[in-house]
PDB file of N, CA and C in Angstrom:
ATOM      1  N   MET A   1       0.830  -1.189   0.000  1.00  0.00           N
ATOM      2  CA  MET A   1       0.000   0.000   0.000  1.00  0.00           C
ATOM      3  C   MET A   1       0.879   1.259   0.000  1.00  0.00           C
ATOM      4  N   PHE A   2       1.904   1.300   0.879  1.00  0.00           N
ATOM      5  CA  PHE A   2       2.786   2.465   0.946  1.00  0.00           C
ATOM      6  C   PHE A   2       3.467   2.693  -0.390  1.00  0.00           C
ATOM      7  N   LYS A   3       3.882   1.608  -1.037  1.00  0.00           N
ATOM      8  CA  LYS A   3       4.561   1.722  -2.326  1.00  0.00           C
ATOM      9  C   LYS A   3       3.633   2.370  -3.360  1.00  0.00           C
ATOM     10  N   GLN A   4       2.331   2.005  -3.355  1.00  0.00           N
ATOM     11  CA  GLN A   4       1.370   2.590  -4.285  1.00  0.00           C
ATOM     12  C   GLN A   4       1.162   4.070  -3.986  1.00  0.00           C
ATOM     13  N   LEU A   5       1.069   4.430  -2.712  1.00  0.00           N
ATOM     14  CA  LEU A   5       0.874   5.834  -2.351  1.00  0.00           C
ATOM     15  C   LEU A   5       2.082   6.670  -2.745  1.00  0.00           C
ATOM     16  N   LYS A   6       3.284   6.117  -2.551  1.00  0.00           N
ATOM     17  CA  LYS A   6       4.502   6.827  -2.923  1.00  0.00           C
ATOM     18  C   LYS A   6       4.538   7.033  -4.439  1.00  0.00           C
ATOM     19  N   LYS A   7       4.171   5.981  -5.186  1.00  0.00           N
ATOM     20  CA  LYS A   7       4.149   6.080  -6.637  1.00  0.00           C
ATOM     21  C   LYS A   7       3.100   7.101  -7.074  1.00  0.00           C
ATOM     22  N   ALA A   8       1.951   7.117  -6.410  1.00  0.00           N
ATOM     23  CA  ALA A   8       0.895   8.074  -6.746  1.00  0.00           C
ATOM     24  C   ALA A   8       1.378   9.498  -6.510  1.00  0.00           C
ATOM     25  N   ALA A   9       2.060   9.723  -5.404  1.00  0.00           N
ATOM     26  CA  ALA A   9       2.559  11.068  -5.099  1.00  0.00           C
ATOM     27  C   ALA A   9       3.569  11.528  -6.148  1.00  0.00           C
ATOM     28  N   ILE A  10       4.421  10.622  -6.585  1.00  0.00           N
ATOM     29  CA  ILE A  10       5.406  10.954  -7.621  1.00  0.00           C
ATOM     30  C   ILE A  10       4.697  11.280  -8.935  1.00  0.00           C
ATOM     31  N   MET A  11       3.694  10.481  -9.289  1.00  0.00           N
ATOM     32  CA  MET A  11       2.965  10.706 -10.540  1.00  0.00           C
ATOM     33  C   MET A  11       2.232  12.045 -10.506  1.00  0.00           C
ATOM     34  N   VAL A  12       1.626  12.353  -9.377  1.00  0.00           N
ATOM     35  CA  VAL A  12       0.914  13.632  -9.251  1.00  0.00           C
ATOM     36  C   VAL A  12       1.879  14.785  -9.438  1.00  0.00           C
ATOM     37  N   THR A  13       3.040  14.700  -8.824  1.00  0.00           N
ATOM     38  CA  THR A  13       4.038  15.759  -8.947  1.00  0.00           C
ATOM     39  C   THR A  13       4.473  15.922 -10.397  1.00  0.00           C
ATOM     40  N   LEU A  14       4.758  14.821 -11.062  1.00  0.00           N
ATOM     41  CA  LEU A  14       5.200  14.889 -12.458  1.00  0.00           C
ATOM     42  C   LEU A  14       4.127  15.473 -13.363  1.00  0.00           C
ATOM     43  N   PHE A  15       2.886  15.021 -13.199  1.00  0.00           N
ATOM     44  CA  PHE A  15       1.805  15.533 -14.036  1.00  0.00           C
ATOM     45  C   PHE A  15       1.526  17.000 -13.756  1.00  0.00           C
ATOM     46  N   SER A  16       1.638  17.389 -12.505  1.00  0.00           N
ATOM     47  CA  SER A  16       1.425  18.793 -12.145  1.00  0.00           C
ATOM     48  C   SER A  16       2.491  19.676 -12.785  1.00  0.00           C
ATOM     49  N   LEU A  17       3.735  19.225 -12.746  1.00  0.00           N
ATOM     50  CA  LEU A  17       4.819  19.989 -13.369  1.00  0.00           C
ATOM     51  C   LEU A  17       4.612  20.102 -14.880  1.00  0.00           C
ATOM     52  N   CYS A  18       4.221  19.010 -15.503  1.00  0.00           N
ATOM     53  CA  CYS A  18       3.975  19.033 -16.949  1.00  0.00           C
ATOM     54  C   CYS A  18       2.823  19.972 -17.277  1.00  0.00           C
ATOM     55  N   ALA A  19       1.802  19.966 -16.457  1.00  0.00           N
ATOM     56  CA  ALA A  19       0.652  20.833 -16.698  1.00  0.00           C
ATOM     57  C   ALA A  19       1.053  22.295 -16.618  1.00  0.00           C
ATOM     58  N   VAL A  20       1.910  22.621 -15.681  1.00  0.00           N
ATOM     59  CA  VAL A  20       2.364  24.001 -15.537  1.00  0.00           C
ATOM     60  C   VAL A  20       3.228  24.395 -16.733  1.00  0.00           C
ATOM     61  N   VAL A  21       4.155  23.527 -17.098  1.00  0.00           N
ATOM     62  CA  VAL A  21       5.079  23.827 -18.196  1.00  0.00           C
ATOM     63  C   VAL A  21       4.346  23.946 -19.531  1.00  0.00           C
ATOM     64  N   PHE A  22       3.418  23.028 -19.789  1.00  0.00           N
ATOM     65  CA  PHE A  22       2.755  22.980 -21.088  1.00  0.00           C
ATOM     66  C   PHE A  22       1.381  23.636 -21.098  1.00  0.00           C
ATOM     67  N   GLY A  23       0.918  24.132 -19.954  1.00  0.00           N
ATOM     68  CA  GLY A  23      -0.370  24.807 -19.893  1.00  0.00           C
ATOM     69  C   GLY A  23      -1.546  23.891 -20.125  1.00  0.00           C
ATOM     70  N   VAL A  24      -1.396  22.609 -19.776  1.00  0.00           N
ATOM     71  CA  VAL A  24      -2.465  21.638 -19.960  1.00  0.00           C
ATOM     72  C   VAL A  24      -3.311  21.613 -18.700  1.00  0.00           C
ATOM     73  N   GLY A  25      -4.592  21.432 -18.853  1.00  0.00           N
ATOM     74  CA  GLY A  25      -5.419  21.325 -17.665  1.00  0.00           C
ATOM     75  C   GLY A  25      -6.891  21.349 -17.986  1.00  0.00           C
ATOM     76  N   SER A  26      -7.655  21.150 -16.962  1.00  0.00           N
ATOM     77  CA  SER A  26      -9.100  21.146 -17.058  1.00  0.00           C
ATOM     78  C   SER A  26      -9.604  22.552 -16.742  1.00  0.00           C
ATOM     79  N   PRO A  27     -10.829  22.890 -17.189  1.00  0.00           N
ATOM     80  CA  PRO A  27     -11.378  24.182 -16.805  1.00  0.00           C
ATOM     81  C   PRO A  27     -11.579  24.283 -15.290  1.00  0.00           C
ATOM     82  N   VAL A  28     -11.661  23.141 -14.621  1.00  0.00           N
ATOM     83  CA  VAL A  28     -11.784  23.118 -13.169  1.00  0.00           C
ATOM     84  C   VAL A  28     -10.404  23.398 -12.586  1.00  0.00           C
ATOM     85  N   GLN A  29     -10.337  24.252 -11.571  1.00  0.00           N
ATOM     86  CA  GLN A  29      -9.045  24.509 -10.905  1.00  0.00           C
ATOM     87  C   GLN A  29      -8.540  23.181 -10.344  1.00  0.00           C
ATOM     88  N   ALA A  30      -7.355  22.785 -10.725  1.00  0.00           N
ATOM     89  CA  ALA A  30      -6.827  21.489 -10.318  1.00  0.00           C
ATOM     90  C   ALA A  30      -5.829  21.609  -9.181  1.00  0.00           C
ATOM     91  N   ALA A  31      -5.907  20.648  -8.267  1.00  0.00           N
ATOM     92  CA  ALA A  31      -4.909  20.543  -7.213  1.00  0.00           C
ATOM     93  C   ALA A  31      -3.777  19.649  -7.698  1.00  0.00           C
ATOM     94  N   GLY A  32      -4.049  18.866  -8.724  1.00  0.00           N
ATOM     95  CA  GLY A  32      -3.043  17.965  -9.258  1.00  0.00           C
ATOM     96  C   GLY A  32      -3.647  17.031 -10.286  1.00  0.00           C
ATOM     97  N   TYR A  33      -2.846  16.062 -10.660  1.00  0.00           N
ATOM     98  CA  TYR A  33      -3.249  15.077 -11.644  1.00  0.00           C
ATOM     99  C   TYR A  33      -2.834  13.709 -11.121  1.00  0.00           C
ATOM    100  N   TYR A  34      -3.548  12.683 -11.572  1.00  0.00           N
ATOM    101  CA  TYR A  34      -3.268  11.334 -11.102  1.00  0.00           C
ATOM    102  C   TYR A  34      -3.392  10.365 -12.267  1.00  0.00           C
ATOM    103  N   SER A  35      -2.441   9.469 -12.380  1.00  0.00           N
ATOM    104  CA  SER A  35      -2.466   8.431 -13.396  1.00  0.00           C
ATOM    105  C   SER A  35      -3.096   7.178 -12.796  1.00  0.00           C
ATOM    106  N   VAL A  36      -4.181   6.710 -13.393  1.00  0.00           N
ATOM    107  CA  VAL A  36      -4.910   5.554 -12.888  1.00  0.00           C
ATOM    108  C   VAL A  36      -4.009   4.323 -12.887  1.00  0.00           C
ATOM    109  N   GLN A  37      -4.031   3.618 -11.755  1.00  0.00           N
ATOM    110  CA  GLN A  37      -3.242   2.403 -11.565  1.00  0.00           C
ATOM    111  C   GLN A  37      -4.163   1.178 -11.596  1.00  0.00           C
ATOM    112  N   PRO A  38      -3.619  -0.022 -11.820  1.00  0.00           N
ATOM    113  CA  PRO A  38      -4.454  -1.223 -11.827  1.00  0.00           C
ATOM    114  C   PRO A  38      -5.225  -1.364 -10.509  1.00  0.00           C
ATOM    115  N   GLY A  39      -6.520  -1.633 -10.620  1.00  0.00           N
ATOM    116  CA  GLY A  39      -7.354  -1.861  -9.448  1.00  0.00           C
ATOM    117  C   GLY A  39      -7.902  -0.605  -8.787  1.00  0.00           C
ATOM    118  N   ASP A  40      -7.526   0.580  -9.289  1.00  0.00           N
ATOM    119  CA  ASP A  40      -8.012   1.821  -8.701  1.00  0.00           C
ATOM    120  C   ASP A  40      -9.522   1.958  -8.842  1.00  0.00           C
ATOM    121  N   THR A  41     -10.133   2.536  -7.822  1.00  0.00           N
ATOM    122  CA  THR A  41     -11.529   2.968  -7.888  1.00  0.00           C
ATOM    123  C   THR A  41     -11.541   4.447  -7.543  1.00  0.00           C
ATOM    124  N   LEU A  42     -12.624   5.119  -7.851  1.00  0.00           N
ATOM    125  CA  LEU A  42     -12.713   6.536  -7.497  1.00  0.00           C
ATOM    126  C   LEU A  42     -12.685   6.725  -5.986  1.00  0.00           C
ATOM    127  N   ALA A  43     -13.254   5.783  -5.252  1.00  0.00           N
ATOM    128  CA  ALA A  43     -13.208   5.861  -3.785  1.00  0.00           C
ATOM    129  C   ALA A  43     -11.763   5.759  -3.291  1.00  0.00           C
ATOM    130  N   ASP A  44     -10.964   4.887  -3.906  1.00  0.00           N
ATOM    131  CA  ASP A  44      -9.546   4.759  -3.532  1.00  0.00           C
ATOM    132  C   ASP A  44      -8.790   6.061  -3.808  1.00  0.00           C
ATOM    133  N   ILE A  45      -9.019   6.624  -4.973  1.00  0.00           N
ATOM    134  CA  ILE A  45      -8.319   7.856  -5.355  1.00  0.00           C
ATOM    135  C   ILE A  45      -8.764   9.001  -4.450  1.00  0.00           C
ATOM    136  N   SER A  46     -10.048   9.048  -4.137  1.00  0.00           N
ATOM    137  CA  SER A  46     -10.564  10.054  -3.209  1.00  0.00           C
ATOM    138  C   SER A  46      -9.888   9.932  -1.848  1.00  0.00           C
ATOM    139  N   THR A  47      -9.700   8.727  -1.383  1.00  0.00           N
ATOM    140  CA  THR A  47      -9.054   8.508  -0.088  1.00  0.00           C
ATOM    141  C   THR A  47      -7.604   8.978  -0.114  1.00  0.00           C
ATOM    142  N   ILE A  48      -6.911   8.732  -1.227  1.00  0.00           N
ATOM    143  CA  ILE A  48      -5.516   9.156  -1.355  1.00  0.00           C
ATOM    144  C   ILE A  48      -5.407  10.676  -1.250  1.00  0.00           C
ATOM    145  N   PHE A  49      -6.270  11.395  -1.956  1.00  0.00           N
ATOM    146  CA  PHE A  49      -6.144  12.851  -2.037  1.00  0.00           C
ATOM    147  C   PHE A  49      -6.911  13.626  -0.980  1.00  0.00           C
ATOM    148  N   TYR A  50      -8.040  13.063  -0.523  1.00  0.00           N
ATOM    149  CA  TYR A  50      -8.887  13.803   0.408  1.00  0.00           C
ATOM    150  C   TYR A  50      -9.008  13.145   1.775  1.00  0.00           C
ATOM    151  N   GLY A  51      -8.456  11.955   1.910  1.00  0.00           N
ATOM    152  CA  GLY A  51      -8.510  11.272   3.198  1.00  0.00           C
ATOM    153  C   GLY A  51      -9.822  10.568   3.486  1.00  0.00           C
ATOM    154  N   ALA A  52     -10.735  10.569   2.521  1.00  0.00           N
ATOM    155  CA  ALA A  52     -12.036   9.926   2.710  1.00  0.00           C
ATOM    156  C   ALA A  52     -12.605   9.500   1.349  1.00  0.00           C
ATOM    157  N   PRO A  53     -13.238   8.334   1.285  1.00  0.00           N
ATOM    158  CA  PRO A  53     -13.754   7.847   0.006  1.00  0.00           C
ATOM    159  C   PRO A  53     -14.987   8.587  -0.500  1.00  0.00           C
ATOM    160  N   GLU A  54     -15.696   9.283   0.387  1.00  0.00           N
ATOM    161  CA  GLU A  54     -16.972   9.885  -0.030  1.00  0.00           C
ATOM    162  C   GLU A  54     -16.847  11.096  -0.944  1.00  0.00           C
ATOM    163  N   HIS A  55     -15.657  11.541  -1.223  1.00  0.00           N
ATOM    164  CA  HIS A  55     -15.476  12.695  -2.116  1.00  0.00           C
ATOM    165  C   HIS A  55     -15.260  12.290  -3.574  1.00  0.00           C
ATOM    166  N   TRP A  56     -15.591  11.045  -3.914  1.00  0.00           N
ATOM    167  CA  TRP A  56     -15.372  10.559  -5.271  1.00  0.00           C
ATOM    168  C   TRP A  56     -16.151  11.364  -6.311  1.00  0.00           C
ATOM    169  N   ARG A  57     -17.256  11.974  -5.912  1.00  0.00           N
ATOM    170  CA  ARG A  57     -18.057  12.753  -6.864  1.00  0.00           C
ATOM    171  C   ARG A  57     -17.297  13.983  -7.374  1.00  0.00           C
ATOM    172  N   LEU A  58     -16.387  14.513  -6.559  1.00  0.00           N
ATOM    173  CA  LEU A  58     -15.552  15.632  -7.010  1.00  0.00           C
ATOM    174  C   LEU A  58     -14.728  15.228  -8.236  1.00  0.00           C
ATOM    175  N   LEU A  59     -14.270  13.975  -8.233  1.00  0.00           N
ATOM    176  CA  LEU A  59     -13.471  13.473  -9.355  1.00  0.00           C
ATOM    177  C   LEU A  59     -14.314  13.377 -10.630  1.00  0.00           C
ATOM    178  N   ILE A  60     -15.577  12.976 -10.479  1.00  0.00           N
ATOM    179  CA  ILE A  60     -16.485  12.900 -11.623  1.00  0.00           C
ATOM    180  C   ILE A  60     -16.706  14.297 -12.201  1.00  0.00           C
ATOM    181  N   THR A  61     -16.946  15.273 -11.322  1.00  0.00           N
ATOM    182  CA  THR A  61     -17.195  16.647 -11.757  1.00  0.00           C
ATOM    183  C   THR A  61     -15.991  17.241 -12.479  1.00  0.00           C
ATOM    184  N   ALA A  62     -14.800  16.944 -12.000  1.00  0.00           N
ATOM    185  CA  ALA A  62     -13.577  17.511 -12.579  1.00  0.00           C
ATOM    186  C   ALA A  62     -13.123  16.806 -13.856  1.00  0.00           C
ATOM    187  N   ASN A  63     -13.717  15.650 -14.138  1.00  0.00           N
ATOM    188  CA  ASN A  63     -13.313  14.855 -15.304  1.00  0.00           C
ATOM    189  C   ASN A  63     -14.540  14.488 -16.135  1.00  0.00           C
ATOM    190  N   PRO A  64     -15.091  15.453 -16.880  1.00  0.00           N
ATOM    191  CA  PRO A  64     -16.295  15.193 -17.677  1.00  0.00           C
ATOM    192  C   PRO A  64     -16.113  13.981 -18.593  1.00  0.00           C
ATOM    193  N   GLY A  65     -17.149  13.172 -18.645  1.00  0.00           N
ATOM    194  CA  GLY A  65     -17.107  11.989 -19.499  1.00  0.00           C
ATOM    195  C   GLY A  65     -16.467  10.778 -18.844  1.00  0.00           C
ATOM    196  N   LEU A  66     -15.971  10.940 -17.625  1.00  0.00           N
ATOM    197  CA  LEU A  66     -15.342   9.823 -16.923  1.00  0.00           C
ATOM    198  C   LEU A  66     -16.388   8.794 -16.534  1.00  0.00           C
ATOM    199  N   ASP A  67     -16.166   7.560 -16.929  1.00  0.00           N
ATOM    200  CA  ASP A  67     -17.042   6.452 -16.548  1.00  0.00           C
ATOM    201  C   ASP A  67     -16.264   5.588 -15.566  1.00  0.00           C
ATOM    202  N   PRO A  68     -16.659   5.584 -14.281  1.00  0.00           N
ATOM    203  CA  PRO A  68     -15.907   4.829 -13.275  1.00  0.00           C
ATOM    204  C   PRO A  68     -15.747   3.347 -13.611  1.00  0.00           C
ATOM    205  N   ALA A  69     -16.701   2.797 -14.335  1.00  0.00           N
ATOM    206  CA  ALA A  69     -16.635   1.378 -14.697  1.00  0.00           C
ATOM    207  C   ALA A  69     -15.684   1.121 -15.858  1.00  0.00           C
ATOM    208  N   GLN A  70     -15.277   2.179 -16.549  1.00  0.00           N
ATOM    209  CA  GLN A  70     -14.439   2.030 -17.733  1.00  0.00           C
ATOM    210  C   GLN A  70     -13.078   2.722 -17.604  1.00  0.00           C
ATOM    211  N   MET A  71     -12.632   3.017 -16.371  1.00  0.00           N
ATOM    212  CA  MET A  71     -11.325   3.680 -16.204  1.00  0.00           C
ATOM    213  C   MET A  71     -10.223   2.752 -16.703  1.00  0.00           C
ATOM    214  N   THR A  72      -9.300   3.313 -17.474  1.00  0.00           N
ATOM    215  CA  THR A  72      -8.201   2.509 -17.979  1.00  0.00           C
ATOM    216  C   THR A  72      -6.891   2.905 -17.301  1.00  0.00           C
ATOM    217  N   VAL A  73      -6.061   1.911 -17.084  1.00  0.00           N
ATOM    218  CA  VAL A  73      -4.754   2.141 -16.470  1.00  0.00           C
ATOM    219  C   VAL A  73      -3.978   3.130 -17.335  1.00  0.00           C
ATOM    220  N   GLY A  74      -3.410   4.131 -16.670  1.00  0.00           N
ATOM    221  CA  GLY A  74      -2.652   5.146 -17.369  1.00  0.00           C
ATOM    222  C   GLY A  74      -3.453   6.392 -17.709  1.00  0.00           C
ATOM    223  N   SER A  75      -4.774   6.315 -17.611  1.00  0.00           N
ATOM    224  CA  SER A  75      -5.591   7.523 -17.826  1.00  0.00           C
ATOM    225  C   SER A  75      -5.205   8.557 -16.777  1.00  0.00           C
ATOM    226  N   VAL A  76      -5.177   9.815 -17.181  1.00  0.00           N
ATOM    227  CA  VAL A  76      -4.791  10.885 -16.254  1.00  0.00           C
ATOM    228  C   VAL A  76      -6.056  11.625 -15.819  1.00  0.00           C
ATOM    229  N   LEU A  77      -6.272  11.655 -14.515  1.00  0.00           N
ATOM    230  CA  LEU A  77      -7.428  12.348 -13.945  1.00  0.00           C
ATOM    231  C   LEU A  77      -7.005  13.685 -13.366  1.00  0.00           C
ATOM    232  N   THR A  78      -7.858  14.674 -13.531  1.00  0.00           N
ATOM    233  CA  THR A  78      -7.661  15.960 -12.870  1.00  0.00           C
ATOM    234  C   THR A  78      -8.164  15.810 -11.441  1.00  0.00           C
ATOM    235  N   ILE A  79      -7.356  16.243 -10.488  1.00  0.00           N
ATOM    236  CA  ILE A  79      -7.737  16.175  -9.076  1.00  0.00           C
ATOM    237  C   ILE A  79      -8.054  17.592  -8.612  1.00  0.00           C
ATOM    238  N   PRO A  80      -9.339  17.870  -8.313  1.00  0.00           N
ATOM    239  CA  PRO A  80      -9.692  19.214  -7.857  1.00  0.00           C
ATOM    240  C   PRO A  80      -9.210  19.464  -6.433  1.00  0.00           C
ATOM    241  N   PRO A  81      -9.190  20.739  -6.018  1.00  0.00           N
ATOM    242  CA  PRO A  81      -8.750  21.056  -4.661  1.00  0.00           C
ATOM    243  C   PRO A  81      -9.578  20.342  -3.606  1.00  0.00           C
ATOM    244  N   LYS A  82      -8.970  20.143  -2.461  1.00  0.00           N
ATOM    245  CA  LYS A  82      -9.638  19.479  -1.345  1.00  0.00           C
ATOM    246  C   LYS A  82     -10.817  20.341  -0.880  1.00  0.00           C
ATOM    247  N   PRO A  83     -11.977  19.700  -0.647  1.00  0.00           N
ATOM    248  CA  PRO A  83     -13.153  20.466  -0.214  1.00  0.00           C
ATOM    249  C   PRO A  83     -12.968  21.030   1.196  1.00  0.00           C
TER     250      PRO A  83
END
């Protein structure tokens, strides 16, 4: 679990830096970006960034067209600021 969280933190940092350098991003103010890993659910990602699984709806709002049942490994999600 720790290894996955460490990898997630590194990925968020890298994607955030790329977004700043290249001006890529969502119209929603982003706190960061996350690359979907095998077995991830929106509740898992919500727990990583917000400390609780119930904020998964924020991820849906920040990523229009996202289908939780069809998330693919390597997809990059916009992570909105913590509520």
